[in-house]
Amino acid sequence: MTTISVLGTGNMGTAIAGIFSDGGAQVESIKHSDEPTSFGDIVVLAVPFTALPEIAEKYRDQLAGKTVVDITNTVDFATFTPVEFDAGSGAADLAAKLPESKVVKAFNTNLAATLTTKTVKDRTTTVIIAGDDADTKAELTAAITAGGVNAVDAGPLVRARELEAVGFLQMGLVVGGQMEWTDALGVIK
C-alpha cells in the first residue's frame, strides 16, 4: 500500500488527502507548523511556495528517495505577479534544492473545489503532472486515478514552467471574477 504524507491542511491539502484516501492509500495529513519525524513514500507539499526553501533545507535528508509533489503556484501575493526562477520554474528550483528526491509538479492547475467534488461541471477533474522519472509519475498517476479523478502526463519537469503559468492565469481569472472556484482550465478527457 502506498503511504502518502500531505504537508499542509488547508483547502488544497485536505482535498488532495481526500482523493488519495478514497483511492485506498494510507494518508497522513501534517500541519505545516508541525515537525514531522518521518514521511510516506509520496510527500505532497500543500504549502505556499514561499515555504519550499525552508522545507527543502530542513527536511532534505528525510525527503531523499521520496517522491515530492510540488502543488504550488509561484505568485507574489503582495503584487499578484508571477515569480521568475533562474531554474525555469518553482518546481525546478525545488528539485535543485532536493537532488536526492524525485520532484513532480501536480495539482497546481486544480482548484480545491474541483478536487473535493472530483468534477468540473459534468466532467471528471483532471490533474496534470510533470516530472522527469516515468516510474514516479506512473505511481502518482495510479494513486490519483484510484481516488476517482483523471491524470495526464505533461512530460518532463521542464513543463512545470507552463503548468505554473496556467495556474497563475486561472487564479487571475477567478480573482477577476471571470471564473468561479468550481470552474477550471485544463484537459477535457
C-alpha atoms as a PDB file:
ATOM      1  CA  MET A   1       0.000   0.000   0.000  1.00  0.00           C
ATOM      2  CA  THR A   2       1.263   3.452  -0.916  1.00  0.00           C
ATOM      3  CA  THR A   3       1.864   5.748   2.036  1.00  0.00           C
ATOM      4  CA  ILE A   4       1.332   9.433   1.404  1.00  0.00           C
ATOM      5  CA  SER A   5       2.151  12.406   3.597  1.00  0.00           C
ATOM      6  CA  VAL A   6       0.368  15.671   2.826  1.00  0.00           C
ATOM      7  CA  LEU A   7       2.193  18.611   4.383  1.00  0.00           C
ATOM      8  CA  GLY A   8      -0.457  21.297   4.718  1.00  0.00           C
ATOM      9  CA  THR A   9      -4.028  21.025   5.968  1.00  0.00           C
ATOM     10  CA  GLY A  10      -5.661  23.908   4.128  1.00  0.00           C
ATOM     11  CA  ASN A  11      -8.279  23.536   1.397  1.00  0.00           C
ATOM     12  CA  MET A  12      -5.865  22.067  -1.145  1.00  0.00           C
ATOM     13  CA  GLY A  13      -4.121  19.735   1.296  1.00  0.00           C
ATOM     14  CA  THR A  14      -7.448  18.458   2.598  1.00  0.00           C
ATOM     15  CA  ALA A  15      -8.855  17.921  -0.904  1.00  0.00           C
ATOM     16  CA  ILE A  16      -5.726  16.090  -2.099  1.00  0.00           C
ATOM     17  CA  ALA A  17      -5.606  13.918   1.026  1.00  0.00           C
ATOM     18  CA  GLY A  18      -9.251  13.012   0.386  1.00  0.00           C
ATOM     19  CA  ILE A  19      -8.522  11.848  -3.162  1.00  0.00           C
ATOM     20  CA  PHE A  20      -5.627   9.656  -2.054  1.00  0.00           C
ATOM     21  CA  SER A  21      -7.593   8.279   0.889  1.00  0.00           C
ATOM     22  CA  ASP A  22     -10.548   7.457  -1.373  1.00  0.00           C
ATOM     23  CA  GLY A  23      -8.098   5.552  -3.564  1.00  0.00           C
ATOM     24  CA  GLY A  24      -7.044   3.318  -0.689  1.00  0.00           C
ATOM     25  CA  ALA A  25      -3.699   4.915   0.140  1.00  0.00           C
ATOM     26  CA  GLN A  26      -2.568   5.305   3.721  1.00  0.00           C
ATOM     27  CA  VAL A  27      -2.628   9.093   4.125  1.00  0.00           C
ATOM     28  CA  GLU A  28      -1.131  11.233   6.854  1.00  0.00           C
ATOM     29  CA  SER A  29      -2.083  14.927   6.953  1.00  0.00           C
ATOM     30  CA  ILE A  30       0.526  17.112   8.634  1.00  0.00           C
ATOM     31  CA  LYS A  31       0.037  20.735   9.647  1.00  0.00           C
ATOM     32  CA  HIS A  32       2.685  22.944   8.096  1.00  0.00           C
ATOM     33  CA  SER A  33       3.585  24.159  11.597  1.00  0.00           C
ATOM     34  CA  ASP A  34       4.176  20.614  12.888  1.00  0.00           C
ATOM     35  CA  GLU A  35       7.582  18.924  12.896  1.00  0.00           C
ATOM     36  CA  PRO A  36       7.200  15.517  11.231  1.00  0.00           C
ATOM     37  CA  THR A  37       9.729  12.859  12.142  1.00  0.00           C
ATOM     38  CA  SER A  38       9.103  10.781   9.025  1.00  0.00           C
ATOM     39  CA  PHE A  39       7.295  10.933   5.692  1.00  0.00           C
ATOM     40  CA  GLY A  40       5.432   8.475   3.460  1.00  0.00           C
ATOM     41  CA  ASP A  41       6.583   7.221   0.068  1.00  0.00           C
ATOM     42  CA  ILE A  42       4.920  10.226  -1.597  1.00  0.00           C
ATOM     43  CA  VAL A  43       5.119  13.646   0.051  1.00  0.00           C
ATOM     44  CA  VAL A  44       2.722  16.357  -1.133  1.00  0.00           C
ATOM     45  CA  LEU A  45       3.804  19.909  -0.327  1.00  0.00           C
ATOM     46  CA  ALA A  46       0.446  21.689   0.015  1.00  0.00           C
ATOM     47  CA  VAL A  47       2.009  24.881   1.324  1.00  0.00           C
ATOM     48  CA  PRO A  48       2.687  28.363  -0.094  1.00  0.00           C
ATOM     49  CA  PHE A  49       5.645  28.338  -2.487  1.00  0.00           C
ATOM     50  CA  THR A  50       7.496  30.706  -0.148  1.00  0.00           C
ATOM     51  CA  ALA A  51       7.731  27.826   2.367  1.00  0.00           C
ATOM     52  CA  LEU A  52       9.532  25.497  -0.060  1.00  0.00           C
ATOM     53  CA  PRO A  53      13.132  26.685   0.540  1.00  0.00           C
ATOM     54  CA  GLU A  54      12.781  26.212   4.307  1.00  0.00           C
ATOM     55  CA  ILE A  55      11.157  22.791   3.887  1.00  0.00           C
ATOM     56  CA  ALA A  56      13.873  21.712   1.442  1.00  0.00           C
ATOM     57  CA  GLU A  57      16.641  22.770   3.810  1.00  0.00           C
ATOM     58  CA  LYS A  58      15.021  21.375   6.941  1.00  0.00           C
ATOM     59  CA  TYR A  59      13.893  18.003   5.539  1.00  0.00           C
ATOM     60  CA  ARG A  60      16.372  17.352   2.705  1.00  0.00           C
ATOM     61  CA  ASP A  61      17.676  14.145   4.269  1.00  0.00           C
ATOM     62  CA  GLN A  62      14.200  12.841   5.207  1.00  0.00           C
ATOM     63  CA  LEU A  63      12.918  13.526   1.687  1.00  0.00           C
ATOM     64  CA  ALA A  64      15.815  11.736  -0.027  1.00  0.00           C
ATOM     65  CA  GLY A  65      14.497   8.912  -2.196  1.00  0.00           C
ATOM     66  CA  LYS A  66      10.884  10.109  -1.822  1.00  0.00           C
ATOM     67  CA  THR A  67       8.506  11.378  -4.465  1.00  0.00           C
ATOM     68  CA  VAL A  68       7.943  15.041  -3.617  1.00  0.00           C
ATOM     69  CA  VAL A  69       4.871  16.632  -5.196  1.00  0.00           C
ATOM     70  CA  ASP A  70       5.031  20.410  -5.584  1.00  0.00           C
ATOM     71  CA  ILE A  71       1.492  21.802  -5.891  1.00  0.00           C
ATOM     72  CA  THR A  72       2.462  25.445  -5.525  1.00  0.00           C
ATOM     73  CA  ASN A  73       1.883  28.364  -7.824  1.00  0.00           C
ATOM     74  CA  THR A  74       4.735  30.823  -7.814  1.00  0.00           C
ATOM     75  CA  VAL A  75       2.833  34.031  -7.232  1.00  0.00           C
ATOM     76  CA  ASP A  76       3.872  37.089  -5.237  1.00  0.00           C
ATOM     77  CA  PHE A  77       0.589  37.714  -3.447  1.00  0.00           C
ATOM     78  CA  ALA A  78       1.606  41.245  -2.406  1.00  0.00           C
ATOM     79  CA  THR A  79       1.716  42.349  -6.060  1.00  0.00           C
ATOM     80  CA  PHE A  80      -0.180  39.426  -7.648  1.00  0.00           C
ATOM     81  CA  THR A  81       2.588  38.885 -10.168  1.00  0.00           C
ATOM     82  CA  PRO A  82       4.374  35.656 -11.112  1.00  0.00           C
ATOM     83  CA  VAL A  83       7.762  34.967  -9.568  1.00  0.00           C
ATOM     84  CA  GLU A  84      10.559  34.144 -12.016  1.00  0.00           C
ATOM     85  CA  PHE A  85      13.191  31.495 -11.278  1.00  0.00           C
ATOM     86  CA  ASP A  86      16.629  31.004 -12.818  1.00  0.00           C
ATOM     87  CA  ALA A  87      15.815  27.280 -12.899  1.00  0.00           C
ATOM     88  CA  GLY A  88      12.764  27.988 -15.098  1.00  0.00           C
ATOM     89  CA  SER A  89      10.072  27.162 -12.538  1.00  0.00           C
ATOM     90  CA  GLY A  90       9.478  26.874  -8.840  1.00  0.00           C
ATOM     91  CA  ALA A  91       9.371  23.090  -9.206  1.00  0.00           C
ATOM     92  CA  ALA A  92      12.761  23.019 -10.957  1.00  0.00           C
ATOM     93  CA  ASP A  93      14.144  25.268  -8.223  1.00  0.00           C
ATOM     94  CA  LEU A  94      12.811  22.838  -5.601  1.00  0.00           C
ATOM     95  CA  ALA A  95      14.323  19.885  -7.484  1.00  0.00           C
ATOM     96  CA  ALA A  96      17.718  21.600  -7.390  1.00  0.00           C
ATOM     97  CA  LYS A  97      17.346  22.000  -3.609  1.00  0.00           C
ATOM     98  CA  LEU A  98      16.296  18.323  -3.226  1.00  0.00           C
ATOM     99  CA  PRO A  99      18.691  16.481  -5.558  1.00  0.00           C
ATOM    100  CA  GLU A 100      18.080  13.099  -3.903  1.00  0.00           C
ATOM    101  CA  SER A 101      14.279  13.372  -4.222  1.00  0.00           C
ATOM    102  CA  LYS A 102      12.031  12.791  -7.240  1.00  0.00           C
ATOM    103  CA  VAL A 103      10.229  16.118  -7.615  1.00  0.00           C
ATOM    104  CA  VAL A 104       6.957  16.172  -9.548  1.00  0.00           C
ATOM    105  CA  LYS A 105       4.657  19.090 -10.345  1.00  0.00           C
ATOM    106  CA  ALA A 106       0.948  18.300  -9.949  1.00  0.00           C
ATOM    107  CA  PHE A 107      -2.349  19.728  -8.663  1.00  0.00           C
ATOM    108  CA  ASN A 108      -1.296  23.362  -9.167  1.00  0.00           C
ATOM    109  CA  THR A 109      -3.704  23.773 -12.097  1.00  0.00           C
ATOM    110  CA  ASN A 110      -6.609  22.495  -9.991  1.00  0.00           C
ATOM    111  CA  LEU A 111      -8.784  24.438  -7.599  1.00  0.00           C
ATOM    112  CA  ALA A 112      -9.660  22.826  -4.265  1.00  0.00           C
ATOM    113  CA  ALA A 113     -13.385  22.733  -5.001  1.00  0.00           C
ATOM    114  CA  THR A 114     -12.845  20.689  -8.167  1.00  0.00           C
ATOM    115  CA  LEU A 115     -10.646  18.242  -6.273  1.00  0.00           C
ATOM    116  CA  THR A 116     -13.142  17.892  -3.425  1.00  0.00           C
ATOM    117  CA  THR A 117     -16.089  17.225  -5.747  1.00  0.00           C
ATOM    118  CA  LYS A 118     -13.876  15.429  -8.308  1.00  0.00           C
ATOM    119  CA  THR A 119     -15.817  17.228 -11.007  1.00  0.00           C
ATOM    120  CA  VAL A 120     -15.781  20.348 -13.120  1.00  0.00           C
ATOM    121  CA  LYS A 121     -19.376  20.901 -14.133  1.00  0.00           C
ATOM    122  CA  ASP A 122     -20.349  17.470 -15.514  1.00  0.00           C
ATOM    123  CA  ARG A 123     -16.821  16.199 -16.183  1.00  0.00           C
ATOM    124  CA  THR A 124     -14.286  14.376 -14.040  1.00  0.00           C
ATOM    125  CA  THR A 125     -11.493  16.571 -12.693  1.00  0.00           C
ATOM    126  CA  THR A 126      -8.120  16.077 -14.376  1.00  0.00           C
ATOM    127  CA  VAL A 127      -4.755  16.537 -12.647  1.00  0.00           C
ATOM    128  CA  ILE A 128      -1.830  17.476 -14.906  1.00  0.00           C
ATOM    129  CA  ILE A 129       1.558  16.034 -13.894  1.00  0.00           C
ATOM    130  CA  ALA A 130       5.112  16.925 -14.953  1.00  0.00           C
ATOM    131  CA  GLY A 131       8.261  15.148 -13.819  1.00  0.00           C
ATOM    132  CA  ASP A 132      11.432  13.519 -15.052  1.00  0.00           C
ATOM    133  CA  ASP A 133      11.010   9.985 -13.658  1.00  0.00           C
ATOM    134  CA  ALA A 134       8.497   7.825 -15.574  1.00  0.00           C
ATOM    135  CA  ASP A 135       8.040   5.319 -12.732  1.00  0.00           C
ATOM    136  CA  THR A 136       7.397   8.117 -10.247  1.00  0.00           C
ATOM    137  CA  LYS A 137       4.765   9.683 -12.498  1.00  0.00           C
ATOM    138  CA  ALA A 138       3.143   6.275 -13.064  1.00  0.00           C
ATOM    139  CA  GLU A 139       2.927   5.659  -9.311  1.00  0.00           C
ATOM    140  CA  LEU A 140       1.453   9.114  -8.701  1.00  0.00           C
ATOM    141  CA  THR A 141      -0.980   8.704 -11.605  1.00  0.00           C
ATOM    142  CA  ALA A 142      -2.157   5.359 -10.190  1.00  0.00           C
ATOM    143  CA  ALA A 143      -2.768   6.903  -6.751  1.00  0.00           C
ATOM    144  CA  ILE A 144      -4.664   9.845  -8.277  1.00  0.00           C
ATOM    145  CA  THR A 145      -6.853   7.781 -10.602  1.00  0.00           C
ATOM    146  CA  ALA A 146      -7.604   5.266  -7.844  1.00  0.00           C
ATOM    147  CA  GLY A 147      -9.055   8.231  -5.953  1.00  0.00           C
ATOM    148  CA  GLY A 148     -11.570   8.973  -8.687  1.00  0.00           C
ATOM    149  CA  VAL A 149     -10.020  11.723 -10.804  1.00  0.00           C
ATOM    150  CA  ASN A 150      -8.152  11.682 -14.111  1.00  0.00           C
ATOM    151  CA  ALA A 151      -4.438  12.319 -14.545  1.00  0.00           C
ATOM    152  CA  VAL A 152      -2.479  13.425 -17.595  1.00  0.00           C
ATOM    153  CA  ASP A 153       1.298  13.270 -18.055  1.00  0.00           C
ATOM    154  CA  ALA A 154       2.506  16.625 -19.417  1.00  0.00           C
ATOM    155  CA  GLY A 155       6.079  15.409 -19.842  1.00  0.00           C
ATOM    156  CA  PRO A 156       9.333  16.247 -18.075  1.00  0.00           C
ATOM    157  CA  LEU A 157       9.726  18.622 -15.134  1.00  0.00           C
ATOM    158  CA  VAL A 158      10.695  21.428 -17.513  1.00  0.00           C
ATOM    159  CA  ARG A 159       6.948  21.579 -18.309  1.00  0.00           C
ATOM    160  CA  ALA A 160       6.343  22.831 -14.763  1.00  0.00           C
ATOM    161  CA  ARG A 161       7.010  26.322 -16.082  1.00  0.00           C
ATOM    162  CA  GLU A 162       3.918  26.115 -18.295  1.00  0.00           C
ATOM    163  CA  LEU A 163       1.858  24.484 -15.551  1.00  0.00           C
ATOM    164  CA  GLU A 164       2.771  27.315 -13.175  1.00  0.00           C
ATOM    165  CA  ALA A 165       1.743  29.855 -15.842  1.00  0.00           C
ATOM    166  CA  VAL A 166      -1.621  28.101 -16.298  1.00  0.00           C
ATOM    167  CA  GLY A 167      -2.090  28.020 -12.524  1.00  0.00           C
ATOM    168  CA  PHE A 168      -1.389  31.758 -12.306  1.00  0.00           C
ATOM    169  CA  LEU A 169      -3.732  32.517 -15.208  1.00  0.00           C
ATOM    170  CA  GLN A 170      -6.523  30.504 -13.600  1.00  0.00           C
ATOM    171  CA  MET A 171      -6.051  32.256 -10.246  1.00  0.00           C
ATOM    172  CA  GLY A 172      -6.183  35.635 -12.005  1.00  0.00           C
ATOM    173  CA  LEU A 173      -9.402  34.715 -13.786  1.00  0.00           C
ATOM    174  CA  VAL A 174     -11.014  33.609 -10.519  1.00  0.00           C
ATOM    175  CA  VAL A 175      -9.870  36.697  -8.607  1.00  0.00           C
ATOM    176  CA  GLY A 176     -11.002  38.884 -11.515  1.00  0.00           C
ATOM    177  CA  GLY A 177     -14.480  37.361 -11.432  1.00  0.00           C
ATOM    178  CA  GLN A 178     -14.162  35.677 -14.835  1.00  0.00           C
ATOM    179  CA  MET A 179     -14.278  32.159 -13.375  1.00  0.00           C
ATOM    180  CA  GLU A 180     -15.811  30.544 -10.320  1.00  0.00           C
ATOM    181  CA  TRP A 181     -13.906  28.433  -7.776  1.00  0.00           C
ATOM    182  CA  THR A 182     -15.771  25.429  -9.195  1.00  0.00           C
ATOM    183  CA  ASP A 183     -14.566  26.125 -12.772  1.00  0.00           C
ATOM    184  CA  ALA A 184     -11.270  25.055 -14.296  1.00  0.00           C
ATOM    185  CA  LEU A 185      -8.802  25.469 -17.103  1.00  0.00           C
ATOM    186  CA  GLY A 186      -7.430  22.136 -18.115  1.00  0.00           C
ATOM    187  CA  VAL A 187      -7.596  18.969 -20.131  1.00  0.00           C
ATOM    188  CA  ILE A 188     -11.008  17.573 -21.018  1.00  0.00           C
ATOM    189  CA  LYS A 189     -10.946  13.802 -21.373  1.00  0.00           C
END
